[in-house]
Protein backbone atom coordinates (compact mmCIF):
# COMPACT_ATOMS: atom_id res chain seq x y z
CA MET A 1 -9.58 -12.24 -4.31
CA LYS A 2 -11.44 -14.32 -1.73
CA GLN A 3 -8.22 -16.17 -0.84
CA THR A 4 -6.34 -12.93 -0.20
CA ARG A 5 -4.98 -12.26 3.30
CA TRP A 6 -5.33 -8.50 3.86
CA ARG A 7 -3.40 -6.35 6.33
CA LYS A 8 -3.83 -2.66 7.08
CA SER A 9 -1.03 -0.16 6.54
CA THR A 10 1.02 0.68 9.62
CA TYR A 11 0.69 4.35 8.59
CA SER A 12 -3.06 4.20 9.10
CA SER A 13 -4.74 7.27 10.57
CA ASN A 14 -8.26 8.23 11.70
CA GLY A 15 -8.79 4.75 13.07
CA GLY A 16 -8.03 3.27 9.66
CA ALA A 17 -10.26 5.59 7.64
CA SER A 18 -7.34 7.03 5.66
CA CYS A 19 -5.27 4.06 4.68
CA ILE A 20 -4.76 1.22 2.32
CA GLU A 21 -4.71 -2.51 2.79
CA VAL A 22 -2.18 -4.80 1.18
CA GLY A 23 -3.02 -8.41 0.51
CA GLN A 24 -1.13 -11.42 -0.72
CA ALA A 25 -2.74 -14.02 -2.90
CA THR A 26 -1.28 -16.73 -5.08
CA ARG A 27 1.40 -15.10 -7.24
CA LEU A 28 0.22 -11.52 -6.75
CA ILE A 29 0.17 -8.61 -4.34
CA ALA A 30 -3.06 -6.61 -4.12
CA VAL A 31 -3.73 -3.09 -2.82
CA ARG A 32 -7.12 -1.62 -1.97
CA ASP A 33 -8.63 1.41 -0.23
CA THR A 34 -9.84 0.59 3.28
CA LYS A 35 -12.79 3.00 2.98
CA GLN A 36 -14.29 0.81 0.23
CA ASN A 37 -14.95 -2.03 2.72
CA GLY A 38 -13.71 -4.64 0.28
CA THR A 39 -16.06 -3.59 -2.52
CA GLY A 40 -13.89 -1.11 -4.44
CA PRO A 41 -11.21 -1.55 -7.09
CA VAL A 42 -8.04 -3.50 -6.38
CA LEU A 43 -4.60 -2.85 -7.83
CA ARG A 44 -2.73 -6.06 -8.59
CA PHE A 45 1.06 -6.40 -8.81
CA THR A 46 3.38 -9.28 -9.52
CA PRO A 47 5.80 -9.74 -6.61
CA ALA A 48 8.64 -8.28 -8.72
CA ALA A 49 6.57 -5.23 -9.72
CA TRP A 50 5.50 -4.72 -6.09
CA ARG A 51 9.15 -4.76 -4.93
CA ARG A 52 10.07 -2.18 -7.58
CA PHE A 53 7.09 -0.01 -6.60
CA ALA A 54 7.83 -0.24 -2.85
CA ASP A 55 11.53 0.46 -3.40
CA GLN A 56 10.69 3.56 -5.44
CA VAL A 57 8.33 4.82 -2.74
CA LYS A 58 11.02 4.29 -0.09
CA ARG A 59 13.61 6.13 -2.19
CA SER A 60 11.19 8.98 -2.76
CA LEU A 61 10.43 9.31 0.96
CA TRP A 62 14.11 9.11 1.84
CA SER A 63 14.87 11.83 -0.71
CA ASP A 64 12.20 14.06 0.84
CA LEU A 65 13.66 13.53 4.32
CA LYS A 66 17.18 14.38 3.14
CA LEU A 67 15.85 17.64 1.68
CA GLY A 68 14.43 18.57 5.06
CA GLY A 69 10.80 17.89 4.38
CA TYR A 70 8.28 15.14 4.62
CA ARG A 71 5.10 15.16 2.63
CA ARG A 72 2.30 13.21 4.21
CA LEU A 73 0.17 11.68 1.50
């Protein structure tokens, strides 16, 4: 994971204390908790699995908005 380029979520709050970072390495997408300072566990996705995951999250959020609510995670 040393070659991974990490970026912080744009939905970050508390100065970044309550967010995730997403990184791209060779042939995988990685997700980690910012509070772990790079020492905690990392979820790894293939690019196709990441797209499916992100699309499902977007659909879920859109569904919540259409129902008149928004749940902040």
